[in-house]
Protein backbone atom coordinates (compact mmCIF):
# COMPACT_ATOMS: atom_id res chain seq x y z
CA MET A 1 0.00 0.00 0.00
CA ASP A 2 3.04 2.27 0.49
CA LEU A 3 1.57 4.14 3.49
CA SER A 4 3.20 5.59 6.59
CA VAL A 5 1.20 6.78 9.59
CA VAL A 6 2.57 9.51 11.86
CA ILE A 7 1.45 10.00 15.47
CA LEU A 8 2.73 12.81 17.70
CA THR A 9 2.75 11.90 21.38
CA LYS A 10 3.25 13.38 24.83
CA ASN A 11 2.10 11.25 27.77
CA GLU A 12 -0.45 9.28 25.74
CA GLU A 13 -0.24 5.86 27.39
CA LYS A 14 -4.04 5.79 27.81
CA ASN A 15 -4.71 6.45 24.13
CA ILE A 16 -1.82 5.05 22.16
CA ILE A 17 -2.79 1.36 21.96
CA ASP A 18 -6.26 2.01 20.53
CA CYS A 19 -4.80 4.56 18.13
CA ILE A 20 -2.10 2.19 16.86
CA GLU A 21 -4.55 -0.68 16.50
CA SER A 22 -6.81 1.47 14.32
CA VAL A 23 -3.96 2.19 11.86
CA SER A 24 -2.18 -1.17 12.03
CA PHE A 25 -3.00 -1.74 8.34
CA ALA A 26 -0.31 0.81 7.36
CA ASP A 27 3.14 -0.32 6.22
CA GLU A 28 4.97 1.91 8.68
CA LEU A 29 4.03 3.52 12.01
CA ILE A 30 6.12 6.54 13.00
CA ILE A 31 5.78 8.03 16.49
CA ILE A 32 7.43 11.35 17.30
CA ASP A 33 7.47 11.50 21.09
CA ASP A 34 7.95 14.73 23.02
CA TYR A 35 9.85 13.02 25.85
CA SER A 36 6.84 11.47 27.56
CA THR A 37 7.19 10.86 31.29
CA ASP A 38 4.60 8.08 31.40
CA ARG A 39 4.64 4.64 29.70
CA THR A 40 3.81 5.90 26.20
CA GLU A 41 7.04 4.64 24.63
CA GLU A 42 6.93 1.26 26.37
CA VAL A 43 3.28 0.66 25.52
CA ALA A 44 3.71 1.76 21.89
CA LYS A 45 6.75 -0.44 21.29
CA GLY A 46 4.96 -3.47 22.67
CA SER A 47 1.80 -2.95 20.65
CA ASN A 48 3.07 -3.42 17.08
CA THR A 49 6.36 -4.45 15.45
CA LYS A 50 5.93 -1.78 12.76
CA VAL A 51 6.31 1.03 15.31
CA LYS A 52 9.36 3.28 15.08
CA ILE A 53 9.79 5.87 17.83
CA TYR A 54 11.82 9.07 17.56
CA LYS A 55 12.35 11.31 20.58
CA ARG A 56 12.18 15.02 19.80
CA SER A 57 11.21 18.06 21.85
CA LEU A 58 8.11 19.82 20.56
CA ASN A 59 9.45 23.26 21.49
CA ASP A 60 5.94 24.72 21.07
CA ASN A 61 6.03 24.14 17.31
CA PHE A 62 3.75 21.47 15.89
CA SER A 63 4.70 22.11 12.27
CA ALA A 64 8.38 21.53 12.98
CA GLN A 65 7.47 18.26 14.69
CA ARG A 66 5.36 17.12 11.73
CA ASN A 67 7.98 18.15 9.18
CA PHE A 68 10.56 16.19 11.15
CA ALA A 69 8.24 13.20 10.95
CA LEU A 70 8.03 13.54 7.17
CA SER A 71 11.82 13.34 7.02
CA LYS A 72 11.66 9.97 8.79
CA THR A 73 8.93 8.29 6.76
CA THR A 74 9.94 5.98 3.92
CA LYS A 75 6.63 5.42 2.14
CA LYS A 76 4.97 7.24 -0.76
CA TRP A 77 1.95 8.35 1.26
CA THR A 78 1.72 9.70 4.82
CA LEU A 79 -1.32 9.86 7.08
CA PHE A 80 -1.19 12.08 10.17
CA ILE A 81 -3.35 11.10 13.11
CA ASP A 82 -3.41 12.22 16.75
CA ALA A 83 -3.25 9.79 19.65
CA ASP A 84 -6.86 10.51 20.64
CA GLU A 85 -8.12 9.79 17.12
CA ARG A 86 -9.16 6.52 15.48
CA VAL A 87 -9.41 5.27 11.89
CA SER A 88 -12.51 3.14 11.40
CA PRO A 89 -12.53 0.02 9.20
CA VAL A 90 -14.68 1.96 6.70
CA LEU A 91 -12.13 4.78 6.50
CA GLN A 92 -9.35 2.21 6.20
CA LYS A 93 -10.97 0.73 3.10
CA GLU A 94 -11.47 4.19 1.61
CA ILE A 95 -7.81 5.05 2.19
CA GLU A 96 -6.63 1.78 0.65
CA HIS A 97 -8.88 2.27 -2.37
CA LYS A 98 -8.09 5.94 -3.00
CA ILE A 99 -4.29 5.80 -2.85
CA LYS A 100 -3.94 2.76 -5.10
CA LYS A 101 -4.50 4.80 -8.21
CA THR A 102 -4.93 8.56 -8.07
CA ASP A 103 -3.55 11.78 -9.49
CA MET A 104 -4.33 13.63 -6.28
CA SER A 105 -1.57 15.00 -4.07
CA GLY A 106 -3.56 14.96 -0.86
CA PHE A 107 -6.89 14.24 0.78
CA TYR A 108 -8.97 16.15 3.30
CA ILE A 109 -10.60 14.01 5.98
CA GLY A 110 -13.48 15.12 8.16
CA ARG A 111 -13.32 14.62 11.90
CA ALA A 112 -16.20 13.46 14.09
CA ASP A 113 -15.76 14.64 17.67
CA ILE A 114 -17.18 12.31 20.30
CA MET A 115 -17.36 14.03 23.68
CA TRP A 116 -18.63 12.30 26.81
CA GLY A 117 -20.50 9.66 24.83
CA LYS A 118 -22.09 11.97 22.26
CA LYS A 119 -21.12 12.47 18.63
CA LEU A 120 -21.15 16.21 17.98
CA ARG A 121 -22.78 17.30 14.72
CA TYR A 122 -22.97 21.08 15.04
CA GLY A 123 -21.13 24.10 16.42
CA GLU A 124 -17.34 24.24 16.64
CA ALA A 125 -16.97 20.56 15.76
CA GLY A 126 -19.68 20.33 13.13
CA LYS A 127 -17.80 20.48 9.85
CA ASN A 128 -14.12 20.11 10.72
CA THR A 129 -12.00 18.84 7.82
CA PHE A 130 -8.23 18.64 7.73
CA LEU A 131 -5.61 17.78 5.13
CA ARG A 132 -4.26 14.65 6.81
CA LEU A 133 -3.30 12.26 4.00
CA GLY A 134 -0.82 13.28 1.34
CA ARG A 135 2.16 12.38 -0.75
CA THR A 136 5.12 12.37 1.60
CA THR A 137 7.22 14.70 -0.55
CA GLY A 138 4.27 16.85 -1.64
CA GLY A 139 4.48 19.77 0.75
CA ILE A 140 5.32 21.27 4.12
CA TRP A 141 3.55 21.98 7.40
CA ARG A 142 3.27 25.63 8.50
CA GLY A 143 2.15 27.32 11.72
CA SER A 144 3.36 26.61 15.24
CA VAL A 145 -0.18 25.81 16.43
CA HIS A 146 -3.38 25.02 14.49
CA GLU A 147 -0.88 24.07 11.82
CA LYS A 148 -1.73 23.34 8.19
CA TRP A 149 -0.19 21.02 5.63
CA GLU A 150 0.46 22.96 2.44
CA ILE A 151 0.63 20.49 -0.44
CA GLU A 152 1.25 21.28 -4.10
CA GLY A 153 -1.20 19.80 -6.57
CA GLN A 154 -4.82 18.73 -6.50
CA THR A 155 -6.64 17.56 -3.40
CA ALA A 156 -9.91 15.74 -2.75
CA LYS A 157 -12.08 14.91 0.25
CA PHE A 158 -12.91 11.56 1.80
CA GLU A 159 -16.47 10.58 2.62
CA GLU A 160 -15.67 8.79 5.87
CA LYS A 161 -14.36 10.64 8.94
CA ILE A 162 -11.68 10.18 11.57
CA TYR A 163 -13.18 9.60 15.02
CA HIS A 164 -11.86 11.97 17.68
CA TYR A 165 -12.18 11.40 21.45
CA PRO A 166 -10.93 14.65 23.05
CA HIS A 167 -11.01 16.02 26.60
CA PRO A 168 -12.17 13.10 28.80
CA THR A 169 -12.68 15.54 31.70
CA ILE A 170 -13.31 19.26 32.18
CA SER A 171 -9.96 19.54 33.98
CA GLU A 172 -8.09 18.13 30.99
CA PHE A 173 -10.10 20.39 28.68
CA LEU A 174 -9.06 23.44 30.73
CA ASN A 175 -5.42 22.33 30.73
CA ASP A 176 -5.49 21.96 26.95
CA ILE A 177 -7.12 25.35 26.46
CA ASN A 178 -4.55 27.02 28.69
CA TYR A 179 -1.68 25.40 26.80
CA TYR A 180 -2.94 26.02 23.27
CA SER A 181 -4.03 29.58 24.01
CA SER A 182 -0.49 30.39 25.16
CA LEU A 183 0.93 28.97 21.93
CA ARG A 184 -1.55 30.95 19.84
CA ALA A 185 -0.84 34.18 21.76
CA LYS A 186 2.89 33.72 21.15
CA GLU A 187 2.21 33.12 17.48
CA LEU A 188 0.17 36.33 17.20
CA LEU A 189 2.99 38.32 18.79
CA LYS A 190 5.56 36.72 16.52
CA GLN A 191 3.45 37.66 13.50
CA LYS A 192 3.01 41.19 14.93
CA LYS A 193 -0.76 40.81 14.97
CA TYR A 194 -1.42 43.04 17.93
CA VAL A 195 -4.58 42.69 19.99
CA LYS A 196 -6.83 45.61 20.90
CA ALA A 197 -8.31 45.71 24.41
CA TRP A 198 -11.88 45.61 23.08
CA GLU A 199 -11.18 42.29 21.36
CA ILE A 200 -10.76 40.62 24.76
CA ILE A 201 -14.43 41.32 25.48
CA PHE A 202 -16.14 41.07 22.12
CA TYR A 203 -14.33 38.18 20.40
CA PRO A 204 -15.34 35.56 23.01
CA VAL A 205 -18.96 36.77 23.01
CA LEU A 206 -19.18 36.70 19.22
CA LYS A 207 -17.52 33.30 19.07
CA PHE A 208 -20.06 31.85 21.49
CA LYS A 209 -22.98 33.26 19.51
CA TYR A 210 -21.48 32.01 16.24
CA ASN A 211 -20.87 28.44 17.43
CA TYR A 212 -23.85 27.97 19.72
CA ILE A 213 -26.54 29.83 17.77
CA LEU A 214 -25.53 30.35 14.13
CA ARG A 215 -23.81 26.96 13.82
CA LEU A 216 -26.55 25.31 15.90
CA GLY A 217 -24.31 24.04 18.68
CA MET A 218 -27.42 24.12 20.89
CA LEU A 219 -28.64 21.00 19.08
CA ASP A 220 -25.74 19.00 20.56
CA GLY A 221 -27.23 19.26 24.04
CA ILE A 222 -25.13 19.89 27.14
CA GLN A 223 -21.98 18.81 25.29
CA GLY A 224 -22.61 21.48 22.67
CA LEU A 225 -23.11 24.12 25.37
CA VAL A 226 -19.92 23.16 27.21
CA LEU A 227 -17.92 23.14 23.97
CA ALA A 228 -19.22 26.59 22.96
CA ILE A 229 -18.37 28.03 26.39
CA MET A 230 -14.92 26.47 26.48
CA MET A 231 -13.95 27.60 23.00
CA SER A 232 -15.14 31.12 23.79
CA PHE A 233 -12.95 30.97 26.89
CA HIS A 234 -10.07 29.89 24.65
CA SER A 235 -10.66 33.01 22.54
CA PHE A 236 -10.64 35.13 25.71
CA LEU A 237 -7.36 33.59 26.90
CA VAL A 238 -5.61 34.01 23.55
CA ARG A 239 -6.41 37.71 23.34
CA SER A 240 -5.90 38.54 27.00
CA LYS A 241 -2.52 36.76 27.09
CA ALA A 242 -1.40 38.44 23.88
CA TRP A 243 -2.57 41.86 25.07
CA LEU A 244 -0.86 41.51 28.45
CA ALA A 245 2.34 40.30 26.81
CA GLN A 246 2.25 43.32 24.53
CA LYS A 247 2.18 45.45 27.65
CA LYS A 248 5.15 43.46 28.97
CA THR A 249 3.29 42.61 32.16
CA LEU A 250 3.14 38.84 31.62
CA GLN A 251 5.37 36.17 30.16
CA VAL A 252 3.08 34.14 27.89
C-alpha cells in the first residue's frame, strides 16, 4: 500500500494502543514523542512491530514536529493522526482504495468529535475537515499551532471521517485550552498581529454566539453548550494573554 502513519505523542499511554490498532493496516508507524514521562514509549513499542519511535522536543512548534516526521517516513503516502483519534474500518478501506491509483496529491478528511459519549454534529466541531493524508514529498507543514499542511497539486475529500475522542474531563479540557491559548498568543505576537483591548471582550462573546446559535451548537445538548463556552474561553485567553504580553506585564 506504500503508506506511513505519523502520530505525535506526549504522555499518551491511555490512548496510544487504541490509536495504533486502528492504523495497524499501514506499512509503517512513526511516532514522534515529546519526551513522555509516562509509559507511552513502552506501551507503543509493545503494541506493534511496525512502530518506530523518535524522541524530539516539541518546542511549542507542531509544524516543525510534523515536518521532522516527514523526514523519517519511507513510504509514498503519509497519514497524520493524533493519539486521541481513530481510523474506522470503513475509512481504512477508503484510504486503501483511493491511494492505489490517483492523481491527487492529498486528501482532506473530516473529523467526528465524540465528547462524553455523544457524537457532535454542530457548532465548533460540526464540519471540521483537515488535510491529513498526502504524498510524503508533496508539501510542508506551516504554523506553530493550528498548523496546516500545504501540499502542491490537487486535493480531494474523503467521505468517511476520523473519530476523535478529546477532553475526557473538564480539567483536561481546561489544561489543553490554557496550553494552546499560550501557543496561539505567542504566534500572534511573533506575527506582529497586535490585539486591541476591546477584542478581549467582544471576540469571546461573538464566538459563542457564532458556534452555539448560528452553527446550531445548541442541538448537541449539554456537550454542545460546554464546547461553545470552552472555545469562547479559549478566545478570551488568547487575546488577553497576547494583550498583556504586549504590555510586557506577563510572560506568555
